[in-house]
Amino acid sequence: MRIARSEEAVVRNFVCVWIALLAAVPVICAQGQVATVTSTAPFQLRGATVTTDQGVPSWPVMPGDTIQAGSEPVVISFTDGSSVTLQPRSSAKITVSGQTPAFLLECGAASYSLSALSAVKVNDPASPSKLAGAYSIACGKPAGWWSAGHTALVLGGAAGAAGLGFGISSAVSGGDTVSSR
């Protein structure tokens, strides 16, 4: 009889541990989610196209996720009640800085409404410390201030300077070729 009770205790302990582990899985997984995203039109999440006719009203957003709005705005709702609306054809990345979620607009336009200034970091260059605002970042522009126009201007200036140098050289030498003999 003692052996039967011992085996029963082992099985009972095993079942208790197994139940505790299963109960902990949703808690552990939920800590990674920082927001949810919804839209009335297809959009991209983590590089995959999400169609809104699948009966799923919102999709989880994890740190490091990229979001690209389609033909309609995308609403990103953070766990504290803050929200960001990503305008059509705009893209953003969601990160976490310390314990604070961060919304990084990469291209396009967005508007935001924060529950507190420390709730979500927003890379709004014009007014980084407001509870609500809207801003945009140009798409398809070269990084920094240098552009193809700047390159053409410099090359044109260099060609002009070379031509001017050739003209001065010709004027000084009288137009004749100078030999070293």
C-alpha atoms as a PDB file:
ATOM      1  CA  MET A   1       0.000   0.000   0.000  1.00  0.00           C
ATOM      2  CA  ARG A   2       2.853   2.381   0.737  1.00  0.00           C
ATOM      3  CA  ILE A   3       4.179   2.036  -2.774  1.00  0.00           C
ATOM      4  CA  ALA A   4       0.788   2.896  -4.262  1.00  0.00           C
ATOM      5  CA  ARG A   5       0.519   6.051  -2.155  1.00  0.00           C
ATOM      6  CA  SER A   6       4.052   7.061  -3.103  1.00  0.00           C
ATOM      7  CA  GLU A   7       3.309   6.637  -6.803  1.00  0.00           C
ATOM      8  CA  GLU A   8       0.088   8.602  -6.342  1.00  0.00           C
ATOM      9  CA  ALA A   9       2.014  11.452  -4.701  1.00  0.00           C
ATOM     10  CA  VAL A  10       4.529  11.542  -7.573  1.00  0.00           C
ATOM     11  CA  VAL A  11       1.744  11.668 -10.149  1.00  0.00           C
ATOM     12  CA  ARG A  12      -0.086  14.370  -8.159  1.00  0.00           C
ATOM     13  CA  ASN A  13       3.106  16.467  -7.934  1.00  0.00           C
ATOM     14  CA  PHE A  14       3.761  15.989 -11.642  1.00  0.00           C
ATOM     15  CA  VAL A  15       0.222  17.125 -12.516  1.00  0.00           C
ATOM     16  CA  CYS A  16       0.508  20.178 -10.245  1.00  0.00           C
ATOM     17  CA  VAL A  17       3.807  21.230 -11.808  1.00  0.00           C
ATOM     18  CA  TRP A  18       2.424  20.667 -15.298  1.00  0.00           C
ATOM     19  CA  ILE A  19      -0.673  22.809 -14.551  1.00  0.00           C
ATOM     20  CA  ALA A  20       1.504  25.576 -13.090  1.00  0.00           C
ATOM     21  CA  LEU A  21       3.707  25.584 -16.201  1.00  0.00           C
ATOM     22  CA  LEU A  22       0.710  25.681 -18.522  1.00  0.00           C
ATOM     23  CA  ALA A  23      -0.800  28.553 -16.543  1.00  0.00           C
ATOM     24  CA  ALA A  24       2.476  30.503 -16.763  1.00  0.00           C
ATOM     25  CA  VAL A  25       2.794  30.275 -20.560  1.00  0.00           C
ATOM     26  CA  PRO A  26       0.174  32.959 -21.381  1.00  0.00           C
ATOM     27  CA  VAL A  27       1.640  35.287 -18.764  1.00  0.00           C
ATOM     28  CA  ILE A  28       5.157  34.892 -20.147  1.00  0.00           C
ATOM     29  CA  CYS A  29       4.014  35.310 -23.759  1.00  0.00           C
ATOM     30  CA  ALA A  30       1.787  38.301 -22.982  1.00  0.00           C
ATOM     31  CA  GLN A  31       4.738  40.262 -21.570  1.00  0.00           C
ATOM     32  CA  GLY A  32       6.185  40.537 -25.089  1.00  0.00           C
ATOM     33  CA  GLN A  33       3.107  42.181 -26.575  1.00  0.00           C
ATOM     34  CA  VAL A  34       3.253  45.982 -26.345  1.00  0.00           C
ATOM     35  CA  ALA A  35       0.273  46.953 -28.506  1.00  0.00           C
ATOM     36  CA  THR A  36      -2.411  45.801 -30.903  1.00  0.00           C
ATOM     37  CA  VAL A  37      -2.960  46.978 -34.462  1.00  0.00           C
ATOM     38  CA  THR A  38      -6.240  47.299 -36.353  1.00  0.00           C
ATOM     39  CA  SER A  39      -7.241  48.552 -39.802  1.00  0.00           C
ATOM     40  CA  THR A  40     -10.164  48.405 -42.210  1.00  0.00           C
ATOM     41  CA  ALA A  41      -7.881  47.506 -45.139  1.00  0.00           C
ATOM     42  CA  PRO A  42      -4.974  45.095 -45.624  1.00  0.00           C
ATOM     43  CA  PHE A  43      -1.645  46.170 -44.101  1.00  0.00           C
ATOM     44  CA  GLN A  44       1.751  44.637 -43.417  1.00  0.00           C
ATOM     45  CA  LEU A  45       2.919  43.434 -40.011  1.00  0.00           C
ATOM     46  CA  ARG A  46       6.417  41.949 -39.666  1.00  0.00           C
ATOM     47  CA  GLY A  47       6.642  41.924 -43.477  1.00  0.00           C
ATOM     48  CA  ALA A  48       3.548  39.723 -43.905  1.00  0.00           C
ATOM     49  CA  THR A  49       0.332  41.026 -45.428  1.00  0.00           C
ATOM     50  CA  VAL A  50      -2.581  40.951 -43.000  1.00  0.00           C
ATOM     51  CA  THR A  51      -6.021  40.906 -44.569  1.00  0.00           C
ATOM     52  CA  THR A  52      -8.785  42.315 -42.435  1.00  0.00           C
ATOM     53  CA  ASP A  53     -11.508  39.978 -43.697  1.00  0.00           C
ATOM     54  CA  GLN A  54     -10.185  37.063 -41.621  1.00  0.00           C
ATOM     55  CA  GLY A  55     -12.492  37.835 -38.699  1.00  0.00           C
ATOM     56  CA  VAL A  56      -9.628  38.893 -36.415  1.00  0.00           C
ATOM     57  CA  PRO A  57     -10.269  42.497 -35.265  1.00  0.00           C
ATOM     58  CA  SER A  58      -6.786  43.220 -33.895  1.00  0.00           C
ATOM     59  CA  TRP A  59      -3.309  41.782 -34.203  1.00  0.00           C
ATOM     60  CA  PRO A  60      -0.595  41.697 -31.501  1.00  0.00           C
ATOM     61  CA  VAL A  61       2.442  43.969 -31.873  1.00  0.00           C
ATOM     62  CA  MET A  62       5.731  42.829 -30.360  1.00  0.00           C
ATOM     63  CA  PRO A  63       8.948  44.832 -29.849  1.00  0.00           C
ATOM     64  CA  GLY A  64      10.844  45.073 -33.132  1.00  0.00           C
ATOM     65  CA  ASP A  65       7.742  44.747 -35.321  1.00  0.00           C
ATOM     66  CA  THR A  66       7.427  46.866 -38.451  1.00  0.00           C
ATOM     67  CA  ILE A  67       4.032  48.063 -39.637  1.00  0.00           C
ATOM     68  CA  GLN A  68       3.205  49.326 -43.134  1.00  0.00           C
ATOM     69  CA  ALA A  69      -0.234  50.839 -43.651  1.00  0.00           C
ATOM     70  CA  GLY A  70      -2.085  49.941 -46.824  1.00  0.00           C
ATOM     71  CA  SER A  71      -4.775  52.058 -48.454  1.00  0.00           C
ATOM     72  CA  GLU A  72      -6.397  52.946 -45.110  1.00  0.00           C
ATOM     73  CA  PRO A  73      -5.018  54.180 -41.763  1.00  0.00           C
ATOM     74  CA  VAL A  74      -3.748  51.707 -39.168  1.00  0.00           C
ATOM     75  CA  VAL A  75      -4.484  52.278 -35.466  1.00  0.00           C
ATOM     76  CA  ILE A  76      -1.890  51.072 -32.973  1.00  0.00           C
ATOM     77  CA  SER A  77      -3.308  50.806 -29.439  1.00  0.00           C
ATOM     78  CA  PHE A  78      -0.808  50.474 -26.597  1.00  0.00           C
ATOM     79  CA  THR A  79      -1.564  48.657 -23.344  1.00  0.00           C
ATOM     80  CA  ASP A  80      -1.723  51.902 -21.317  1.00  0.00           C
ATOM     81  CA  GLY A  81      -4.469  53.381 -23.538  1.00  0.00           C
ATOM     82  CA  SER A  82      -2.209  55.506 -25.757  1.00  0.00           C
ATOM     83  CA  SER A  83      -2.803  55.255 -29.493  1.00  0.00           C
ATOM     84  CA  VAL A  84      -1.046  56.150 -32.727  1.00  0.00           C
ATOM     85  CA  THR A  85      -2.722  56.365 -36.131  1.00  0.00           C
ATOM     86  CA  LEU A  86      -0.433  55.521 -39.015  1.00  0.00           C
ATOM     87  CA  GLN A  87      -1.684  57.177 -42.200  1.00  0.00           C
ATOM     88  CA  PRO A  88      -2.099  55.256 -45.500  1.00  0.00           C
ATOM     89  CA  ARG A  89       1.146  54.120 -47.180  1.00  0.00           C
ATOM     90  CA  SER A  90       3.156  55.076 -44.063  1.00  0.00           C
ATOM     91  CA  SER A  91       5.519  52.777 -42.181  1.00  0.00           C
ATOM     92  CA  ALA A  92       6.782  52.571 -38.614  1.00  0.00           C
ATOM     93  CA  LYS A  93       8.669  50.352 -36.221  1.00  0.00           C
ATOM     94  CA  ILE A  94       7.711  49.543 -32.635  1.00  0.00           C
ATOM     95  CA  THR A  95      10.545  49.095 -30.152  1.00  0.00           C
ATOM     96  CA  VAL A  96      10.983  49.147 -26.389  1.00  0.00           C
ATOM     97  CA  SER A  97      13.405  51.452 -24.608  1.00  0.00           C
ATOM     98  CA  GLY A  98      13.841  50.166 -21.054  1.00  0.00           C
ATOM     99  CA  GLN A  99      10.241  49.364 -20.112  1.00  0.00           C
ATOM    100  CA  THR A 100       8.719  52.066 -22.355  1.00  0.00           C
ATOM    101  CA  PRO A 101       7.300  51.269 -25.796  1.00  0.00           C
ATOM    102  CA  ALA A 102       8.577  53.484 -28.622  1.00  0.00           C
ATOM    103  CA  PHE A 103       6.845  54.367 -31.890  1.00  0.00           C
ATOM    104  CA  LEU A 104       9.362  55.194 -34.626  1.00  0.00           C
ATOM    105  CA  LEU A 105       7.794  56.653 -37.758  1.00  0.00           C
ATOM    106  CA  GLU A 106      10.040  55.669 -40.664  1.00  0.00           C
ATOM    107  CA  CYS A 107       8.113  57.099 -43.610  1.00  0.00           C
ATOM    108  CA  GLY A 108       4.832  58.958 -44.067  1.00  0.00           C
ATOM    109  CA  ALA A 109       2.572  60.546 -41.480  1.00  0.00           C
ATOM    110  CA  ALA A 110       1.175  59.680 -38.063  1.00  0.00           C
ATOM    111  CA  SER A 111      -0.920  61.243 -35.322  1.00  0.00           C
ATOM    112  CA  TYR A 112      -0.795  60.251 -31.679  1.00  0.00           C
ATOM    113  CA  SER A 113      -2.650  60.565 -28.402  1.00  0.00           C
ATOM    114  CA  LEU A 114      -0.713  59.560 -25.280  1.00  0.00           C
ATOM    115  CA  SER A 115      -2.154  58.752 -21.859  1.00  0.00           C
ATOM    116  CA  ALA A 116       0.953  60.304 -20.235  1.00  0.00           C
ATOM    117  CA  LEU A 117       4.183  61.868 -21.516  1.00  0.00           C
ATOM    118  CA  SER A 118       6.131  58.831 -20.333  1.00  0.00           C
ATOM    119  CA  ALA A 119       3.648  56.281 -21.728  1.00  0.00           C
ATOM    120  CA  VAL A 120       5.061  55.850 -25.246  1.00  0.00           C
ATOM    121  CA  LYS A 121       8.127  57.451 -26.794  1.00  0.00           C
ATOM    122  CA  VAL A 122       7.315  59.055 -30.142  1.00  0.00           C
ATOM    123  CA  ASN A 123      10.002  60.277 -32.551  1.00  0.00           C
ATOM    124  CA  ASP A 124       8.167  63.539 -33.295  1.00  0.00           C
ATOM    125  CA  PRO A 125      11.021  65.951 -34.103  1.00  0.00           C
ATOM    126  CA  ALA A 126       8.874  69.098 -33.860  1.00  0.00           C
ATOM    127  CA  SER A 127       7.254  68.570 -30.466  1.00  0.00           C
ATOM    128  CA  PRO A 128       8.564  65.493 -28.631  1.00  0.00           C
ATOM    129  CA  SER A 129       6.917  66.375 -25.310  1.00  0.00           C
ATOM    130  CA  LYS A 130       3.203  66.664 -26.105  1.00  0.00           C
ATOM    131  CA  LEU A 131       0.307  64.392 -25.222  1.00  0.00           C
ATOM    132  CA  ALA A 132      -1.157  64.684 -28.716  1.00  0.00           C
ATOM    133  CA  GLY A 133       0.217  65.651 -32.079  1.00  0.00           C
ATOM    134  CA  ALA A 134       0.801  64.795 -35.707  1.00  0.00           C
ATOM    135  CA  TYR A 135       3.983  64.695 -37.769  1.00  0.00           C
ATOM    136  CA  SER A 136       5.462  63.313 -40.954  1.00  0.00           C
ATOM    137  CA  ILE A 137       8.761  62.054 -42.317  1.00  0.00           C
ATOM    138  CA  ALA A 138       9.496  62.188 -46.036  1.00  0.00           C
ATOM    139  CA  CYS A 139       9.622  58.895 -47.901  1.00  0.00           C
ATOM    140  CA  GLY A 140      12.197  57.926 -50.490  1.00  0.00           C
ATOM    141  CA  LYS A 141      14.609  60.756 -49.755  1.00  0.00           C
ATOM    142  CA  PRO A 142      18.340  60.099 -49.504  1.00  0.00           C
ATOM    143  CA  ALA A 143      19.670  60.037 -45.977  1.00  0.00           C
ATOM    144  CA  GLY A 144      21.124  63.288 -44.751  1.00  0.00           C
ATOM    145  CA  TRP A 145      21.117  66.568 -46.646  1.00  0.00           C
ATOM    146  CA  TRP A 146      23.157  65.494 -49.672  1.00  0.00           C
ATOM    147  CA  SER A 147      21.182  64.788 -52.844  1.00  0.00           C
ATOM    148  CA  ALA A 148      21.724  64.175 -56.568  1.00  0.00           C
ATOM    149  CA  GLY A 149      21.165  67.897 -57.130  1.00  0.00           C
ATOM    150  CA  HIS A 150      24.058  68.698 -54.821  1.00  0.00           C
ATOM    151  CA  THR A 151      26.281  66.270 -56.733  1.00  0.00           C
ATOM    152  CA  ALA A 152      25.350  67.869 -60.081  1.00  0.00           C
ATOM    153  CA  LEU A 153      26.091  71.322 -58.679  1.00  0.00           C
ATOM    154  CA  VAL A 154      29.537  70.287 -57.460  1.00  0.00           C
ATOM    155  CA  LEU A 155      30.405  68.543 -60.744  1.00  0.00           C
ATOM    156  CA  GLY A 156      29.188  71.560 -62.731  1.00  0.00           C
ATOM    157  CA  GLY A 157      31.266  73.852 -60.548  1.00  0.00           C
ATOM    158  CA  ALA A 158      34.320  71.635 -61.008  1.00  0.00           C
ATOM    159  CA  ALA A 159      33.866  71.636 -64.789  1.00  0.00           C
ATOM    160  CA  GLY A 160      33.501  75.418 -64.771  1.00  0.00           C
ATOM    161  CA  ALA A 161      36.623  75.810 -62.662  1.00  0.00           C
ATOM    162  CA  ALA A 162      38.558  73.516 -65.007  1.00  0.00           C
ATOM    163  CA  GLY A 163      37.356  75.523 -68.005  1.00  0.00           C
ATOM    164  CA  LEU A 164      38.313  78.768 -66.315  1.00  0.00           C
ATOM    165  CA  GLY A 165      41.734  77.351 -65.496  1.00  0.00           C
ATOM    166  CA  PHE A 166      42.238  76.296 -69.109  1.00  0.00           C
ATOM    167  CA  GLY A 167      41.200  79.758 -70.299  1.00  0.00           C
ATOM    168  CA  ILE A 168      43.620  81.504 -67.955  1.00  0.00           C
ATOM    169  CA  SER A 169      46.400  79.127 -68.992  1.00  0.00           C
ATOM    170  CA  SER A 170      45.739  79.868 -72.676  1.00  0.00           C
ATOM    171  CA  ALA A 171      45.634  83.624 -72.078  1.00  0.00           C
ATOM    172  CA  VAL A 172      48.935  83.654 -70.176  1.00  0.00           C
ATOM    173  CA  SER A 173      50.764  81.593 -72.768  1.00  0.00           C
ATOM    174  CA  GLY A 174      49.299  83.576 -75.641  1.00  0.00           C
ATOM    175  CA  GLY A 175      47.498  80.567 -76.935  1.00  0.00           C
ATOM    176  CA  ASP A 176      50.710  78.996 -78.193  1.00  0.00           C
ATOM    177  CA  THR A 177      51.959  75.684 -76.985  1.00  0.00           C
ATOM    178  CA  VAL A 178      54.892  76.075 -74.669  1.00  0.00           C
ATOM    179  CA  SER A 179      57.656  73.551 -75.153  1.00  0.00           C
ATOM    180  CA  SER A 180      60.241  72.569 -72.604  1.00  0.00           C
ATOM    181  CA  ARG A 181      63.240  72.806 -74.967  1.00  0.00           C
END
